[in-house]
Protein backbone atom coordinates (compact mmCIF):
# COMPACT_ATOMS: atom_id res chain seq x y z
CA MET A 1 6.21 -18.19 25.64
CA CYS A 2 5.31 -17.38 29.45
CA LEU A 3 4.11 -20.30 31.55
CA ASN A 4 1.24 -18.39 32.96
CA GLN A 5 -0.01 -17.67 29.34
CA ILE A 6 -0.03 -21.13 27.86
CA ASN A 7 -3.71 -21.62 28.33
CA PHE A 8 -4.47 -18.43 26.40
CA ALA A 9 -1.81 -18.49 23.77
CA TYR A 10 -4.18 -19.42 20.97
CA LEU A 11 -6.90 -16.95 21.79
CA LYS A 12 -4.06 -14.23 22.03
CA GLU A 13 -2.71 -15.12 18.70
CA LEU A 14 -6.32 -14.65 17.19
CA PHE A 15 -7.80 -11.76 19.13
CA GLN A 16 -5.00 -9.82 20.83
CA GLN A 17 -2.54 -8.63 18.08
CA ARG A 18 -3.07 -5.03 18.39
CA ASP A 19 0.73 -4.49 18.78
CA GLU A 20 1.07 -5.85 15.23
CA ARG A 21 -1.40 -3.83 13.56
CA ASN A 22 -0.96 -0.37 12.03
CA LEU A 23 -4.27 1.29 11.30
CA ILE A 24 -2.92 4.57 10.29
CA SER A 25 -0.81 2.94 7.51
CA ALA A 26 -3.81 0.79 6.53
CA THR A 27 -5.78 3.97 6.27
CA PHE A 28 -3.14 5.38 3.65
CA HIS A 29 -3.43 2.18 1.65
CA MET A 30 -7.10 2.42 1.43
CA LEU A 31 -7.09 6.03 0.56
CA SER A 32 -4.60 5.21 -2.23
CA ILE A 33 -6.87 2.26 -3.51
CA THR A 34 -9.96 4.64 -3.59
CA LEU A 35 -8.15 7.33 -5.49
CA ILE A 36 -6.75 4.73 -8.01
CA CYS A 37 -10.21 3.22 -8.58
CA MET A 38 -11.80 6.70 -9.09
CA SER A 39 -9.13 7.71 -11.72
CA MET A 40 -9.92 4.56 -13.69
CA GLY A 41 -13.66 5.45 -14.21
CA ASP A 42 -14.95 8.27 -16.43
CA LEU A 43 -12.67 10.86 -15.22
CA SER A 44 -10.64 12.42 -18.22
CA TRP A 45 -6.97 11.54 -18.52
CA PHE A 46 -6.15 13.73 -21.56
CA ILE A 47 -8.06 16.66 -22.64
CA ILE A 48 -8.06 17.56 -26.45
CA ASP A 49 -8.96 20.93 -27.54
CA GLY A 50 -9.32 22.14 -31.04
CA ASN A 51 -12.14 19.79 -32.43
CA VAL A 52 -9.63 17.54 -34.13
CA CYS A 53 -10.18 14.39 -32.07
CA VAL A 54 -12.44 13.17 -29.38
CA PRO A 55 -12.66 15.81 -26.71
CA TYR A 56 -11.22 13.75 -23.88
CA LEU A 57 -9.84 10.33 -23.29
CA THR A 58 -10.65 8.26 -20.20
CA LEU A 59 -9.26 4.90 -18.94
CA GLY A 60 -12.66 3.39 -18.79
CA GLU A 61 -13.16 3.69 -22.52
CA PHE A 62 -10.26 1.41 -23.21
CA PHE A 63 -11.76 -1.38 -21.31
CA TRP A 64 -14.05 -2.04 -24.32
CA PHE A 65 -12.25 -0.13 -27.14
CA GLY A 66 -12.02 -2.23 -30.28
CA TYR A 67 -14.23 -5.03 -28.91
CA SER A 68 -17.67 -3.45 -28.99
CA THR A 69 -19.45 -1.80 -32.13
CA THR A 70 -22.82 -1.26 -30.49
CA GLY A 71 -23.84 2.32 -30.28
CA ILE A 72 -20.08 3.40 -30.84
CA ASP A 73 -18.98 5.77 -33.43
CA TYR A 74 -15.36 5.05 -34.00
CA ARG A 75 -14.96 8.02 -36.43
CA GLU A 76 -14.32 10.21 -33.38
CA PHE A 77 -11.33 8.06 -32.60
CA ASP A 78 -9.61 8.41 -35.92
CA CYS A 79 -6.79 10.13 -34.21
CA LEU A 80 -5.97 7.12 -32.17
CA ASP A 81 -3.83 4.29 -33.68
CA SER A 82 -3.11 0.96 -32.17
CA LEU A 83 -0.04 2.07 -30.42
CA ILE A 84 -1.97 4.72 -28.40
CA VAL A 85 -4.63 2.21 -27.47
CA ASN A 86 -2.11 -0.38 -26.37
CA MET A 87 -0.30 2.20 -24.19
CA MET A 88 -3.55 3.25 -22.43
CA ARG A 89 -4.15 -0.37 -21.77
CA ILE A 90 -0.77 -0.64 -20.19
CA ILE A 91 -1.61 2.23 -18.03
CA ILE A 92 -4.77 0.32 -16.91
CA LEU A 93 -2.40 -2.67 -16.18
CA LEU A 94 -0.15 -0.58 -14.06
CA CYS A 95 -3.11 0.78 -12.05
CA PHE A 96 -4.28 -2.67 -11.38
CA MET A 97 -0.91 -3.67 -10.19
CA ALA A 98 -0.89 -0.64 -8.04
CA ILE A 99 -4.15 -1.54 -6.53
CA ILE A 100 -3.17 -5.36 -5.81
CA PHE A 101 0.04 -4.15 -4.05
CA ALA A 102 -1.83 -1.44 -2.01
CA LEU A 103 -4.61 -3.95 -1.02
CA LEU A 104 -1.82 -6.32 0.08
CA GLY A 105 -0.42 -3.72 2.26
CA PHE A 106 -3.76 -3.11 3.58
CA PHE A 107 -4.39 -6.57 4.77
CA LEU A 108 -0.82 -6.87 6.13
CA ASP A 109 -1.60 -3.66 8.37
CA ILE A 110 -4.99 -4.40 9.26
CA ILE A 111 -4.49 -8.10 10.29
CA GLY A 112 -0.97 -7.77 11.62
CA PRO A 113 0.53 -11.31 10.93
CA ARG A 114 3.33 -12.48 13.17
CA ALA A 115 5.20 -14.79 10.60
CA PRO A 116 8.69 -13.54 10.06
CA PHE A 117 8.24 -13.21 6.26
CA TYR A 118 5.22 -11.04 6.70
CA ARG A 119 6.99 -8.89 9.42
CA MET A 120 9.80 -8.31 6.97
CA LEU A 121 7.30 -7.29 4.29
CA ARG A 122 5.86 -4.79 6.79
CA ARG A 123 8.99 -3.60 8.34
CA PHE A 124 10.75 -2.86 4.82
CA CYS A 125 7.36 -1.38 3.40
CA VAL A 126 7.55 -3.73 0.44
CA PRO A 127 3.90 -3.20 -0.59
CA GLY A 128 3.91 0.52 -0.33
CA ALA A 129 7.19 0.89 -2.18
CA ALA A 130 6.00 -1.32 -4.97
CA THR A 131 2.76 0.70 -5.18
CA ILE A 132 4.69 3.89 -5.46
CA ILE A 133 6.86 2.35 -8.24
CA PHE A 134 3.75 1.43 -10.29
CA ILE A 135 2.39 4.92 -10.02
CA MET A 136 5.70 6.50 -10.83
CA THR A 137 5.75 4.32 -14.05
CA ILE A 138 2.26 5.69 -14.82
CA ALA A 139 3.59 9.27 -15.12
CA PRO A 140 6.15 8.80 -17.88
CA THR A 141 3.64 6.34 -19.59
CA SER A 142 1.14 9.12 -19.74
CA TYR A 143 3.63 11.50 -21.02
CA LEU A 144 4.51 9.18 -23.89
CA VAL A 145 0.69 8.80 -24.73
CA MET A 146 0.53 12.54 -24.88
CA VAL A 147 3.44 12.63 -27.33
CA LEU A 148 2.03 9.86 -29.52
CA LEU A 149 -1.36 11.80 -29.46
CA GLN A 150 0.37 15.02 -30.70
CA HIS A 151 2.08 13.12 -33.67
CA ALA A 152 -1.22 11.30 -34.64
CA ILE A 153 -3.11 14.47 -34.60
CA GLU A 154 -0.46 16.21 -36.92
CA ASP A 155 -0.61 13.43 -39.20
CA GLU A 156 -4.37 13.83 -39.51
CA ASN A 157 -4.65 17.50 -39.41
CA PRO A 158 -1.42 19.07 -39.90
CA LYS A 159 -2.66 22.74 -40.12
CA SER A 160 -5.23 22.50 -37.42
CA TYR A 161 -4.86 24.20 -33.85
CA TYR A 162 -5.10 21.84 -30.95
CA ASP A 163 -3.96 21.55 -27.37
CA ILE A 164 -3.61 18.34 -25.13
CA SER A 165 -3.42 18.56 -21.45
CA TYR A 166 -3.60 16.16 -18.55
CA GLY A 167 -7.08 15.61 -17.18
CA PHE A 168 -8.40 15.16 -13.60
CA GLY A 169 -7.81 11.51 -13.50
CA PHE A 170 -4.11 11.75 -14.20
CA TYR A 171 -3.85 14.24 -11.27
CA LEU A 172 -5.97 12.12 -9.07
CA ILE A 173 -3.58 9.02 -9.40
CA THR A 174 -0.60 11.31 -8.75
CA PHE A 175 -2.22 12.52 -5.51
CA ALA A 176 -2.71 8.85 -4.73
CA GLY A 177 1.01 8.30 -5.10
CA GLY A 178 1.66 11.17 -2.70
CA ILE A 179 -0.65 9.57 -0.19
CA GLN A 180 1.03 6.27 -0.53
CA ALA A 181 4.40 7.94 -0.05
CA LEU A 182 3.19 9.50 3.27
CA GLY A 183 2.18 6.10 4.44
CA LEU A 184 5.60 4.73 3.46
CA ILE A 185 7.27 7.75 5.48
CA TYR A 186 5.13 6.84 8.42
CA ASN A 187 6.12 3.24 8.38
CA LEU A 188 9.84 3.96 8.19
CA VAL A 189 9.89 6.33 11.13
CA LEU A 190 7.51 4.29 13.24
CA PRO A 191 9.40 2.38 15.93
CA TYR A 192 9.61 -1.20 15.27
CA LYS A 193 9.03 -3.84 17.72
CA THR A 194 11.18 -6.79 17.36
CA SER A 195 10.53 -10.44 18.72
CA TYR A 196 13.05 -9.90 21.45
CA GLN A 197 11.07 -7.05 22.83
CA ASP A 198 8.05 -9.07 22.84
CA ASP A 199 9.78 -11.95 24.83
CA ASP A 200 11.03 -9.07 27.38
CA ARG A 201 7.31 -7.98 27.71
CA CYS A 202 6.26 -11.58 28.22
CA LEU A 203 8.81 -12.02 30.92
CA ILE A 204 7.90 -8.84 32.61
CA ASP A 205 4.06 -9.75 32.59
CA GLY A 206 4.86 -13.08 34.15
CA PHE A 207 6.31 -11.21 37.14
CA ASP A 208 3.94 -8.50 37.77
CA ASP A 209 3.76 -9.28 41.50
CA MET A 210 7.20 -8.08 43.05
CA ARG A 211 6.76 -10.73 45.82
CA ASP A 212 8.04 -13.25 43.24
CA PHE A 213 11.41 -11.61 43.59
CA GLN A 214 11.63 -11.72 47.35
CA CYS A 215 13.91 -14.28 48.80
CA PRO A 216 12.50 -16.46 51.55
CA THR A 217 13.63 -15.73 55.00
CA PRO A 218 14.99 -18.41 57.21
CA PRO A 219 13.17 -19.25 60.27
CA PRO A 220 14.35 -17.98 63.76
CA PRO A 221 16.41 -17.73 65.80
CA TYR A 222 18.84 -15.69 63.71
CA CYS A 223 21.78 -15.12 66.21
CA LEU A 224 22.61 -18.78 67.29
CA PRO A 225 26.39 -19.52 66.71
CA PRO A 226 27.25 -22.27 64.36
CA PRO A 227 27.76 -25.90 65.79
CA PRO A 228 31.08 -26.84 67.13
CA TYR A 229 33.51 -28.41 64.74
CA THR A 230 33.82 -32.20 65.24
CA PRO A 231 36.67 -33.90 63.42
């Protein structure tokens, strides 16, 4: 730490951490969190045509599914077995895990802590990479739910026409994964400032005045011969 900055070191740690912040990356994290939360609401994840089952399935339905009987006609959900219900709840769990890691990345980027461990998390984009992994896990899990729905409907109505497709909620969380990937790429290509660069900047700031580098001039006279040698 520079000697001329000792008195302001504590205030600088609290209020002058702009070099450690990454507001653009924090914006990507917040957009991803918003889209994931929207997909977990009343947006359809699976659309079922053919009047063989409930017209659509949302993640919000499986927060209470099986736990409440007030005002709910479960006969519309005869095509759903326990395996499908559990898989939908696994998707909900994966969504929450993606939100948690995206929120962690948001706080790391917006606060900009200088501890080596948190710097390592930000430098290698650990929260963003974990968020993308959870979203990528949601995609094959959703495909598995669609296959299970097909088998369940064929068992209930083997000769009925039906069609199952993804809903807007599924595409929304896929879009959230794309936004998170853009934030990950931005973090990787952004030049990273190491602690050594901070030390160099601190030294330069301490010698802003070039007069500090001027050597003192000896007093006159300048052309006198040296004193005679005396043994």
